[in-house]
Amino acid sequence: MTPLTRRRLGRAALNAAGVAVFLFAVFPVYWMVATAFKPNDQIFTTSFIPFPRPPSLDHVERVFTRGVAGHSIWQYLLNSTLVALSAVVLGAVFALLAATAVARFRFRFRTSFLILLLIVQMVPAEALLIPLFTMVKRLGLYDQLLGLIVINVGLTLPFSVWMLRTFVAAVPKELEEAAWIDGAGRFTTFWRVLFPLVAPGLVATSIFAFITTWNEFVYALTLIGDQGKYTMPVALQFFVGQRSTDWGGIMAASTLMTVPVLVFFLLVQRRMVSGLVAGAVKG
């Protein structure tokens, strides 16, 4: 076997492995969407039916018209969007400022602070449920979306700070010093020099924070008592009854729930590419 043939076989094997991983990851999403458009007799059959024959809009129409637990599905979607976007914006601001301080300044217990971030990240979120619930209750934020926003910012902040720290540390400090020599203040240097270069990292952490907050269930169920303020993950539980489960409704609502995530990713993906280009030009 010639070296060229071996390279081609190796490349074909890698491509086949990539396709297999892609299909393994995409199949659950495809099955969710397909089930949302299947009639009940095709959902509960033991036969393998890859495509709905014919497609049915009964589940989608029922979710849109009847709502969930007496509330419109759009209300739950609005609550999730408000919580996720607010947590992303607030978390991005705090994470960028904290990461800049950790990467640029030398202070006592700096290493201990970084280690503490890792320790906090390794603690299961469920272990913090009782103390956080008590704190939210005492602050008067129980049954309010603001309390849920604050909790989600705290849950995603350690990872965001740790990731952004590497992006800030990778920016040469000489660029900031050159801006200072040219007469730029600290804020101008931060906004015009440092921020464009760390924008790709900020986008990456924002994607992580958005997906984590969007799919969060335990705190949304515990800290919110009013059903009208529930988020989408909590609203999905109403499709599960004591004697039966409305799988068609679950799949239809889950399909609707994935649309904002895809839209958010497509929007920030453009910002990620533009941030990379802007950083390369300014560097």
C-alpha atoms as a PDB file:
ATOM      1  CA  MET A   1       0.000   0.000   0.000  1.00  0.00           C
ATOM      2  CA  THR A   2       1.459   3.318  -1.087  1.00  0.00           C
ATOM      3  CA  PRO A   3       1.724   6.308   1.276  1.00  0.00           C
ATOM      4  CA  LEU A   4      -0.829   8.191  -0.841  1.00  0.00           C
ATOM      5  CA  THR A   5      -3.334   5.355  -0.467  1.00  0.00           C
ATOM      6  CA  ARG A   6      -2.779   5.239   3.289  1.00  0.00           C
ATOM      7  CA  ARG A   7      -3.371   8.982   3.550  1.00  0.00           C
ATOM      8  CA  ARG A   8      -6.578   8.683   1.554  1.00  0.00           C
ATOM      9  CA  LEU A   9      -7.807   5.807   3.693  1.00  0.00           C
ATOM     10  CA  GLY A  10      -6.971   7.712   6.863  1.00  0.00           C
ATOM     11  CA  ARG A  11      -8.777  10.766   5.566  1.00  0.00           C
ATOM     12  CA  ALA A  12     -11.797   8.663   4.606  1.00  0.00           C
ATOM     13  CA  ALA A  13     -11.838   7.066   8.072  1.00  0.00           C
ATOM     14  CA  LEU A  14     -11.752  10.482   9.747  1.00  0.00           C
ATOM     15  CA  ASN A  15     -14.566  11.743   7.517  1.00  0.00           C
ATOM     16  CA  ALA A  16     -16.635   8.646   8.276  1.00  0.00           C
ATOM     17  CA  ALA A  17     -16.053   9.118  12.018  1.00  0.00           C
ATOM     18  CA  GLY A  18     -17.076  12.770  11.741  1.00  0.00           C
ATOM     19  CA  VAL A  19     -20.276  11.859   9.901  1.00  0.00           C
ATOM     20  CA  ALA A  20     -21.067   9.191  12.513  1.00  0.00           C
ATOM     21  CA  VAL A  21     -20.613  11.673  15.377  1.00  0.00           C
ATOM     22  CA  PHE A  22     -22.747  14.231  13.543  1.00  0.00           C
ATOM     23  CA  LEU A  23     -25.574  11.741  12.981  1.00  0.00           C
ATOM     24  CA  PHE A  24     -25.375  10.564  16.601  1.00  0.00           C
ATOM     25  CA  ALA A  25     -25.729  14.159  17.825  1.00  0.00           C
ATOM     26  CA  VAL A  26     -28.419  15.247  15.365  1.00  0.00           C
ATOM     27  CA  PHE A  27     -30.666  12.172  15.514  1.00  0.00           C
ATOM     28  CA  PRO A  28     -32.361  13.030  18.864  1.00  0.00           C
ATOM     29  CA  VAL A  29     -33.187  16.510  17.567  1.00  0.00           C
ATOM     30  CA  TYR A  30     -34.561  15.071  14.328  1.00  0.00           C
ATOM     31  CA  TRP A  31     -36.638  12.510  16.237  1.00  0.00           C
ATOM     32  CA  MET A  32     -38.058  15.258  18.466  1.00  0.00           C
ATOM     33  CA  VAL A  33     -39.149  17.346  15.481  1.00  0.00           C
ATOM     34  CA  ALA A  34     -40.527  14.322  13.619  1.00  0.00           C
ATOM     35  CA  THR A  35     -42.514  13.166  16.660  1.00  0.00           C
ATOM     36  CA  ALA A  36     -44.040  16.634  17.022  1.00  0.00           C
ATOM     37  CA  PHE A  37     -45.728  16.121  13.640  1.00  0.00           C
ATOM     38  CA  LYS A  38     -46.761  12.473  14.088  1.00  0.00           C
ATOM     39  CA  PRO A  39     -50.304  11.384  14.935  1.00  0.00           C
ATOM     40  CA  ASN A  40     -50.732   9.523  18.221  1.00  0.00           C
ATOM     41  CA  ASP A  41     -51.047   6.134  16.552  1.00  0.00           C
ATOM     42  CA  GLN A  42     -47.586   6.580  14.990  1.00  0.00           C
ATOM     43  CA  ILE A  43     -46.039   7.839  18.241  1.00  0.00           C
ATOM     44  CA  PHE A  44     -47.097   4.846  20.334  1.00  0.00           C
ATOM     45  CA  THR A  45     -46.477   2.157  17.728  1.00  0.00           C
ATOM     46  CA  THR A  46     -43.643  -0.338  18.086  1.00  0.00           C
ATOM     47  CA  SER A  47     -42.765  -0.027  14.393  1.00  0.00           C
ATOM     48  CA  PHE A  48     -39.958   2.258  13.291  1.00  0.00           C
ATOM     49  CA  ILE A  49     -41.495   5.218  11.456  1.00  0.00           C
ATOM     50  CA  PRO A  50     -38.759   7.711  10.514  1.00  0.00           C
ATOM     51  CA  PHE A  51     -41.148  10.210   8.894  1.00  0.00           C
ATOM     52  CA  PRO A  52     -44.716  11.141   9.885  1.00  0.00           C
ATOM     53  CA  ARG A  53     -47.128   9.693   7.327  1.00  0.00           C
ATOM     54  CA  PRO A  54     -48.933  12.015   6.792  1.00  0.00           C
ATOM     55  CA  PRO A  55     -47.693  14.948   8.902  1.00  0.00           C
ATOM     56  CA  SER A  56     -50.149  16.122  11.535  1.00  0.00           C
ATOM     57  CA  LEU A  57     -50.394  19.582  13.082  1.00  0.00           C
ATOM     58  CA  ASP A  58     -52.647  18.485  15.941  1.00  0.00           C
ATOM     59  CA  HIS A  59     -49.963  18.630  18.641  1.00  0.00           C
ATOM     60  CA  VAL A  60     -48.550  21.949  17.462  1.00  0.00           C
ATOM     61  CA  GLU A  61     -51.998  23.488  17.181  1.00  0.00           C
ATOM     62  CA  ARG A  62     -52.981  22.236  20.633  1.00  0.00           C
ATOM     63  CA  VAL A  63     -49.848  23.714  22.204  1.00  0.00           C
ATOM     64  CA  PHE A  64     -50.377  27.076  20.520  1.00  0.00           C
ATOM     65  CA  THR A  65     -54.130  27.386  21.052  1.00  0.00           C
ATOM     66  CA  ARG A  66     -54.782  25.680  24.389  1.00  0.00           C
ATOM     67  CA  GLY A  67     -51.526  26.618  26.056  1.00  0.00           C
ATOM     68  CA  VAL A  68     -50.132  24.879  29.130  1.00  0.00           C
ATOM     69  CA  ALA A  69     -51.717  24.820  32.600  1.00  0.00           C
ATOM     70  CA  GLY A  70     -54.113  27.613  31.698  1.00  0.00           C
ATOM     71  CA  HIS A  71     -51.428  29.943  30.360  1.00  0.00           C
ATOM     72  CA  SER A  72     -50.295  30.692  26.826  1.00  0.00           C
ATOM     73  CA  ILE A  73     -47.132  28.958  25.652  1.00  0.00           C
ATOM     74  CA  TRP A  74     -45.884  32.381  24.598  1.00  0.00           C
ATOM     75  CA  GLN A  75     -45.963  33.511  28.238  1.00  0.00           C
ATOM     76  CA  TYR A  76     -43.543  30.752  29.243  1.00  0.00           C
ATOM     77  CA  LEU A  77     -41.390  31.478  26.208  1.00  0.00           C
ATOM     78  CA  LEU A  78     -41.304  35.175  27.120  1.00  0.00           C
ATOM     79  CA  ASN A  79     -40.289  34.356  30.701  1.00  0.00           C
ATOM     80  CA  SER A  80     -37.451  32.122  29.516  1.00  0.00           C
ATOM     81  CA  THR A  81     -36.250  34.728  27.028  1.00  0.00           C
ATOM     82  CA  LEU A  82     -36.293  37.491  29.628  1.00  0.00           C
ATOM     83  CA  VAL A  83     -34.388  35.422  32.194  1.00  0.00           C
ATOM     84  CA  ALA A  84     -31.830  34.067  29.709  1.00  0.00           C
ATOM     85  CA  LEU A  85     -31.038  37.370  27.979  1.00  0.00           C
ATOM     86  CA  SER A  86     -30.834  39.270  31.261  1.00  0.00           C
ATOM     87  CA  ALA A  87     -28.518  36.655  32.755  1.00  0.00           C
ATOM     88  CA  VAL A  88     -26.331  36.740  29.628  1.00  0.00           C
ATOM     89  CA  VAL A  89     -25.998  40.543  29.595  1.00  0.00           C
ATOM     90  CA  LEU A  90     -25.345  40.919  33.321  1.00  0.00           C
ATOM     91  CA  GLY A  91     -23.035  37.905  33.402  1.00  0.00           C
ATOM     92  CA  ALA A  92     -21.046  39.171  30.419  1.00  0.00           C
ATOM     93  CA  VAL A  93     -20.468  42.563  32.060  1.00  0.00           C
ATOM     94  CA  PHE A  94     -19.394  41.149  35.422  1.00  0.00           C
ATOM     95  CA  ALA A  95     -17.324  38.356  33.866  1.00  0.00           C
ATOM     96  CA  LEU A  96     -15.428  40.716  31.552  1.00  0.00           C
ATOM     97  CA  LEU A  97     -14.614  43.155  34.349  1.00  0.00           C
ATOM     98  CA  ALA A  98     -13.565  40.376  36.728  1.00  0.00           C
ATOM     99  CA  ALA A  99     -11.498  38.594  34.073  1.00  0.00           C
ATOM    100  CA  THR A 100      -9.709  41.840  33.189  1.00  0.00           C
ATOM    101  CA  ALA A 101      -8.901  42.474  36.841  1.00  0.00           C
ATOM    102  CA  VAL A 102      -7.592  38.941  37.365  1.00  0.00           C
ATOM    103  CA  ALA A 103      -5.512  38.927  34.172  1.00  0.00           C
ATOM    104  CA  ARG A 104      -4.099  42.454  34.315  1.00  0.00           C
ATOM    105  CA  PHE A 105      -3.639  43.233  38.006  1.00  0.00           C
ATOM    106  CA  ARG A 106      -1.533  41.565  40.671  1.00  0.00           C
ATOM    107  CA  PHE A 107      -3.110  41.465  44.115  1.00  0.00           C
ATOM    108  CA  ARG A 108      -3.046  39.311  47.226  1.00  0.00           C
ATOM    109  CA  PHE A 109      -4.884  35.988  47.101  1.00  0.00           C
ATOM    110  CA  ARG A 110      -5.140  36.211  43.306  1.00  0.00           C
ATOM    111  CA  THR A 111      -4.241  32.538  42.883  1.00  0.00           C
ATOM    112  CA  SER A 112      -6.585  31.601  45.709  1.00  0.00           C
ATOM    113  CA  PHE A 113      -9.374  33.464  43.924  1.00  0.00           C
ATOM    114  CA  LEU A 114      -8.788  31.509  40.717  1.00  0.00           C
ATOM    115  CA  ILE A 115      -8.742  28.215  42.597  1.00  0.00           C
ATOM    116  CA  LEU A 116     -11.953  29.226  44.362  1.00  0.00           C
ATOM    117  CA  LEU A 117     -13.593  29.768  40.985  1.00  0.00           C
ATOM    118  CA  LEU A 118     -12.773  26.194  40.022  1.00  0.00           C
ATOM    119  CA  ILE A 119     -14.019  24.848  43.344  1.00  0.00           C
ATOM    120  CA  VAL A 120     -17.316  26.706  42.998  1.00  0.00           C
ATOM    121  CA  GLN A 121     -17.697  25.394  39.461  1.00  0.00           C
ATOM    122  CA  MET A 122     -17.260  21.804  40.677  1.00  0.00           C
ATOM    123  CA  VAL A 123     -19.941  22.096  43.377  1.00  0.00           C
ATOM    124  CA  PRO A 124     -23.246  20.594  42.128  1.00  0.00           C
ATOM    125  CA  ALA A 125     -25.929  23.216  41.661  1.00  0.00           C
ATOM    126  CA  GLU A 126     -28.391  21.086  43.634  1.00  0.00           C
ATOM    127  CA  ALA A 127     -26.119  21.294  46.706  1.00  0.00           C
ATOM    128  CA  LEU A 128     -26.589  25.085  46.741  1.00  0.00           C
ATOM    129  CA  LEU A 129     -30.357  24.928  46.380  1.00  0.00           C
ATOM    130  CA  ILE A 130     -31.313  25.273  50.063  1.00  0.00           C
ATOM    131  CA  PRO A 131     -28.927  28.145  50.983  1.00  0.00           C
ATOM    132  CA  LEU A 132     -29.759  30.028  47.788  1.00  0.00           C
ATOM    133  CA  PHE A 133     -33.474  29.526  48.378  1.00  0.00           C
ATOM    134  CA  THR A 134     -33.079  30.948  51.893  1.00  0.00           C
ATOM    135  CA  MET A 135     -31.109  33.913  50.576  1.00  0.00           C
ATOM    136  CA  VAL A 136     -33.662  34.678  47.862  1.00  0.00           C
ATOM    137  CA  LYS A 137     -36.481  34.396  50.394  1.00  0.00           C
ATOM    138  CA  ARG A 138     -34.839  36.852  52.796  1.00  0.00           C
ATOM    139  CA  LEU A 139     -34.128  39.338  50.019  1.00  0.00           C
ATOM    140  CA  GLY A 140     -37.765  39.310  48.980  1.00  0.00           C
ATOM    141  CA  LEU A 141     -36.993  37.936  45.526  1.00  0.00           C
ATOM    142  CA  TYR A 142     -38.960  34.710  45.845  1.00  0.00           C
ATOM    143  CA  ASP A 143     -41.519  34.183  43.065  1.00  0.00           C
ATOM    144  CA  GLN A 144     -39.869  36.910  40.993  1.00  0.00           C
ATOM    145  CA  LEU A 145     -37.985  36.563  37.740  1.00  0.00           C
ATOM    146  CA  LEU A 146     -35.344  38.955  39.069  1.00  0.00           C
ATOM    147  CA  GLY A 147     -34.347  36.438  41.723  1.00  0.00           C
ATOM    148  CA  LEU A 148     -34.039  33.729  39.076  1.00  0.00           C
ATOM    149  CA  ILE A 149     -31.901  36.043  36.944  1.00  0.00           C
ATOM    150  CA  VAL A 150     -29.544  36.762  39.837  1.00  0.00           C
ATOM    151  CA  ILE A 151     -29.175  33.059  40.625  1.00  0.00           C
ATOM    152  CA  ASN A 152     -28.408  32.165  37.012  1.00  0.00           C
ATOM    153  CA  VAL A 153     -25.801  34.926  36.803  1.00  0.00           C
ATOM    154  CA  GLY A 154     -24.111  33.469  39.864  1.00  0.00           C
ATOM    155  CA  LEU A 155     -24.227  29.933  38.456  1.00  0.00           C
ATOM    156  CA  THR A 156     -22.607  30.845  35.134  1.00  0.00           C
ATOM    157  CA  LEU A 157     -20.194  33.526  36.374  1.00  0.00           C
ATOM    158  CA  PRO A 158     -17.298  31.309  37.620  1.00  0.00           C
ATOM    159  CA  PHE A 159     -16.896  29.504  34.301  1.00  0.00           C
ATOM    160  CA  SER A 160     -17.274  32.743  32.341  1.00  0.00           C
ATOM    161  CA  VAL A 161     -14.596  34.516  34.389  1.00  0.00           C
ATOM    162  CA  TRP A 162     -12.189  31.601  34.054  1.00  0.00           C
ATOM    163  CA  MET A 163     -12.667  31.374  30.295  1.00  0.00           C
ATOM    164  CA  LEU A 164     -12.472  35.112  29.647  1.00  0.00           C
ATOM    165  CA  ARG A 165      -9.329  35.370  31.751  1.00  0.00           C
ATOM    166  CA  THR A 166      -7.413  33.372  29.141  1.00  0.00           C
ATOM    167  CA  PHE A 167      -8.626  35.669  26.343  1.00  0.00           C
ATOM    168  CA  VAL A 168      -7.638  38.803  28.246  1.00  0.00           C
ATOM    169  CA  ALA A 169      -4.249  37.366  29.196  1.00  0.00           C
ATOM    170  CA  ALA A 170      -3.585  36.517  25.529  1.00  0.00           C
ATOM    171  CA  VAL A 171      -3.881  40.175  24.494  1.00  0.00           C
ATOM    172  CA  PRO A 172      -0.405  41.795  24.563  1.00  0.00           C
ATOM    173  CA  LYS A 173      -0.205  44.470  27.222  1.00  0.00           C
ATOM    174  CA  GLU A 174       1.955  46.528  24.888  1.00  0.00           C
ATOM    175  CA  LEU A 175      -1.164  47.385  22.860  1.00  0.00           C
ATOM    176  CA  GLU A 176      -2.739  49.032  25.892  1.00  0.00           C
ATOM    177  CA  GLU A 177       0.509  50.816  26.762  1.00  0.00           C
ATOM    178  CA  ALA A 178       0.728  52.149  23.206  1.00  0.00           C
ATOM    179  CA  ALA A 179      -2.799  53.526  23.536  1.00  0.00           C
ATOM    180  CA  TRP A 180      -1.865  55.195  26.826  1.00  0.00           C
ATOM    181  CA  ILE A 181       1.142  56.823  25.173  1.00  0.00           C
ATOM    182  CA  ASP A 182      -1.165  58.154  22.436  1.00  0.00           C
ATOM    183  CA  GLY A 183      -3.255  59.843  25.110  1.00  0.00           C
ATOM    184  CA  ALA A 184      -6.104  57.378  25.535  1.00  0.00           C
ATOM    185  CA  GLY A 185      -7.583  56.966  28.989  1.00  0.00           C
ATOM    186  CA  ARG A 186      -8.175  53.642  30.706  1.00  0.00           C
ATOM    187  CA  PHE A 187     -11.806  53.428  29.663  1.00  0.00           C
ATOM    188  CA  THR A 188     -11.014  54.326  26.041  1.00  0.00           C
ATOM    189  CA  THR A 189      -8.215  51.750  26.000  1.00  0.00           C
ATOM    190  CA  PHE A 190     -10.512  49.122  27.470  1.00  0.00           C
ATOM    191  CA  TRP A 191     -13.322  49.837  25.013  1.00  0.00           C
ATOM    192  CA  ARG A 192     -11.343  50.408  21.796  1.00  0.00           C
ATOM    193  CA  VAL A 193      -8.363  48.094  22.247  1.00  0.00           C
ATOM    194  CA  LEU A 194      -9.090  45.310  24.718  1.00  0.00           C
ATOM    195  CA  PHE A 195     -12.804  44.749  24.137  1.00  0.00           C
ATOM    196  CA  PRO A 196     -12.627  44.045  20.350  1.00  0.00           C
ATOM    197  CA  LEU A 197      -9.848  41.507  20.933  1.00  0.00           C
ATOM    198  CA  VAL A 198     -11.693  39.580  23.647  1.00  0.00           C
ATOM    199  CA  ALA A 199     -15.077  39.809  21.886  1.00  0.00           C
ATOM    200  CA  PRO A 200     -14.853  36.226  20.506  1.00  0.00           C
ATOM    201  CA  GLY A 201     -14.305  34.904  24.028  1.00  0.00           C
ATOM    202  CA  LEU A 202     -17.186  37.008  25.308  1.00  0.00           C
ATOM    203  CA  VAL A 203     -19.435  35.543  22.641  1.00  0.00           C
ATOM    204  CA  ALA A 204     -18.371  31.997  23.546  1.00  0.00           C
ATOM    205  CA  THR A 205     -19.127  32.550  27.216  1.00  0.00           C
ATOM    206  CA  SER A 206     -22.439  34.179  26.308  1.00  0.00           C
ATOM    207  CA  ILE A 207     -23.454  31.079  24.364  1.00  0.00           C
ATOM    208  CA  PHE A 208     -22.601  28.913  27.365  1.00  0.00           C
ATOM    209  CA  ALA A 209     -24.519  31.201  29.738  1.00  0.00           C
ATOM    210  CA  PHE A 210     -27.559  31.389  27.453  1.00  0.00           C
ATOM    211  CA  ILE A 211     -27.847  27.626  26.961  1.00  0.00           C
ATOM    212  CA  THR A 212     -27.269  26.931  30.676  1.00  0.00           C
ATOM    213  CA  THR A 213     -29.891  29.469  31.751  1.00  0.00           C
ATOM    214  CA  TRP A 214     -32.355  28.477  29.041  1.00  0.00           C
ATOM    215  CA  ASN A 215     -32.315  24.802  30.063  1.00  0.00           C
ATOM    216  CA  GLU A 216     -32.201  25.387  33.843  1.00  0.00           C
ATOM    217  CA  PHE A 217     -35.024  23.549  35.618  1.00  0.00           C
ATOM    218  CA  VAL A 218     -34.387  23.013  39.343  1.00  0.00           C
ATOM    219  CA  TYR A 219     -34.038  26.633  40.420  1.00  0.00           C
ATOM    220  CA  ALA A 220     -36.820  27.793  38.119  1.00  0.00           C
ATOM    221  CA  LEU A 221     -39.149  25.257  39.741  1.00  0.00           C
ATOM    222  CA  THR A 222     -38.044  25.996  43.303  1.00  0.00           C
ATOM    223  CA  LEU A 223     -37.786  29.790  43.278  1.00  0.00           C
ATOM    224  CA  ILE A 224     -40.973  30.468  41.307  1.00  0.00           C
ATOM    225  CA  GLY A 225     -44.386  29.708  42.795  1.00  0.00           C
ATOM    226  CA  ASP A 226     -46.680  31.437  40.315  1.00  0.00           C
ATOM    227  CA  GLN A 227     -47.344  29.170  37.346  1.00  0.00           C
ATOM    228  CA  GLY A 228     -47.607  32.199  35.079  1.00  0.00           C
ATOM    229  CA  LYS A 229     -43.936  33.013  35.799  1.00  0.00           C
ATOM    230  CA  TYR A 230     -42.587  29.553  35.005  1.00  0.00           C
ATOM    231  CA  THR A 231     -39.962  29.139  32.299  1.00  0.00           C
ATOM    232  CA  MET A 232     -40.235  26.711  29.399  1.00  0.00           C
ATOM    233  CA  PRO A 233     -38.379  23.759  31.027  1.00  0.00           C
ATOM    234  CA  VAL A 234     -40.767  23.887  33.984  1.00  0.00           C
ATOM    235  CA  ALA A 235     -43.793  24.264  31.719  1.00  0.00           C
ATOM    236  CA  LEU A 236     -42.923  20.993  29.977  1.00  0.00           C
ATOM    237  CA  GLN A 237     -43.656  19.058  33.168  1.00  0.00           C
ATOM    238  CA  PHE A 238     -47.381  19.815  32.805  1.00  0.00           C
ATOM    239  CA  PHE A 239     -47.528  17.442  29.836  1.00  0.00           C
ATOM    240  CA  VAL A 240     -46.710  14.550  32.199  1.00  0.00           C
ATOM    241  CA  GLY A 241     -49.754  13.250  34.030  1.00  0.00           C
ATOM    242  CA  GLN A 242     -50.271  10.587  36.682  1.00  0.00           C
ATOM    243  CA  ARG A 243     -51.595   8.026  34.225  1.00  0.00           C
ATOM    244  CA  SER A 244     -50.352   9.184  30.836  1.00  0.00           C
ATOM    245  CA  THR A 245     -47.835  11.434  29.132  1.00  0.00           C
ATOM    246  CA  ASP A 246     -48.625  13.695  26.214  1.00  0.00           C
ATOM    247  CA  TRP A 247     -45.516  12.913  24.185  1.00  0.00           C
ATOM    248  CA  GLY A 248     -46.822  14.772  21.153  1.00  0.00           C
ATOM    249  CA  GLY A 249     -47.313  17.936  23.196  1.00  0.00           C
ATOM    250  CA  ILE A 250     -43.892  17.562  24.824  1.00  0.00           C
ATOM    251  CA  MET A 251     -42.173  17.206  21.467  1.00  0.00           C
ATOM    252  CA  ALA A 252     -44.095  20.118  19.942  1.00  0.00           C
ATOM    253  CA  ALA A 253     -43.275  22.422  22.880  1.00  0.00           C
ATOM    254  CA  SER A 254     -39.654  21.215  22.923  1.00  0.00           C
ATOM    255  CA  THR A 255     -39.331  21.977  19.220  1.00  0.00           C
ATOM    256  CA  LEU A 256     -40.624  25.480  19.862  1.00  0.00           C
ATOM    257  CA  MET A 257     -38.193  25.774  22.768  1.00  0.00           C
ATOM    258  CA  THR A 258     -35.171  25.050  20.570  1.00  0.00           C
ATOM    259  CA  VAL A 259     -35.950  27.804  18.052  1.00  0.00           C
ATOM    260  CA  PRO A 260     -34.755  30.763  20.209  1.00  0.00           C
ATOM    261  CA  VAL A 261     -31.529  28.904  20.991  1.00  0.00           C
ATOM    262  CA  LEU A 262     -30.824  28.429  17.300  1.00  0.00           C
ATOM    263  CA  VAL A 263     -31.680  32.060  16.543  1.00  0.00           C
ATOM    264  CA  PHE A 264     -29.412  33.293  19.360  1.00  0.00           C
ATOM    265  CA  PHE A 265     -26.547  31.113  18.181  1.00  0.00           C
ATOM    266  CA  LEU A 266     -26.885  32.297  14.576  1.00  0.00           C
ATOM    267  CA  LEU A 267     -26.891  35.936  15.694  1.00  0.00           C
ATOM    268  CA  VAL A 268     -23.873  35.698  17.968  1.00  0.00           C
ATOM    269  CA  GLN A 269     -22.025  33.539  15.462  1.00  0.00           C
ATOM    270  CA  ARG A 270     -21.903  36.536  13.129  1.00  0.00           C
ATOM    271  CA  ARG A 271     -20.619  38.661  15.977  1.00  0.00           C
ATOM    272  CA  MET A 272     -18.002  36.042  16.737  1.00  0.00           C
ATOM    273  CA  VAL A 273     -16.639  36.144  13.176  1.00  0.00           C
ATOM    274  CA  SER A 274     -16.697  39.946  13.065  1.00  0.00           C
ATOM    275  CA  GLY A 275     -14.944  40.054  16.432  1.00  0.00           C
ATOM    276  CA  LEU A 276     -12.197  37.786  15.188  1.00  0.00           C
ATOM    277  CA  VAL A 277     -11.669  39.951  12.099  1.00  0.00           C
ATOM    278  CA  ALA A 278     -11.723  43.179  14.116  1.00  0.00           C
ATOM    279  CA  GLY A 279      -9.239  41.769  16.592  1.00  0.00           C
ATOM    280  CA  ALA A 280      -6.885  40.713  13.823  1.00  0.00           C
ATOM    281  CA  VAL A 281      -7.000  44.176  12.239  1.00  0.00           C
ATOM    282  CA  LYS A 282      -6.477  46.048  15.478  1.00  0.00           C
ATOM    283  CA  GLY A 283      -3.695  43.695  16.519  1.00  0.00           C
END
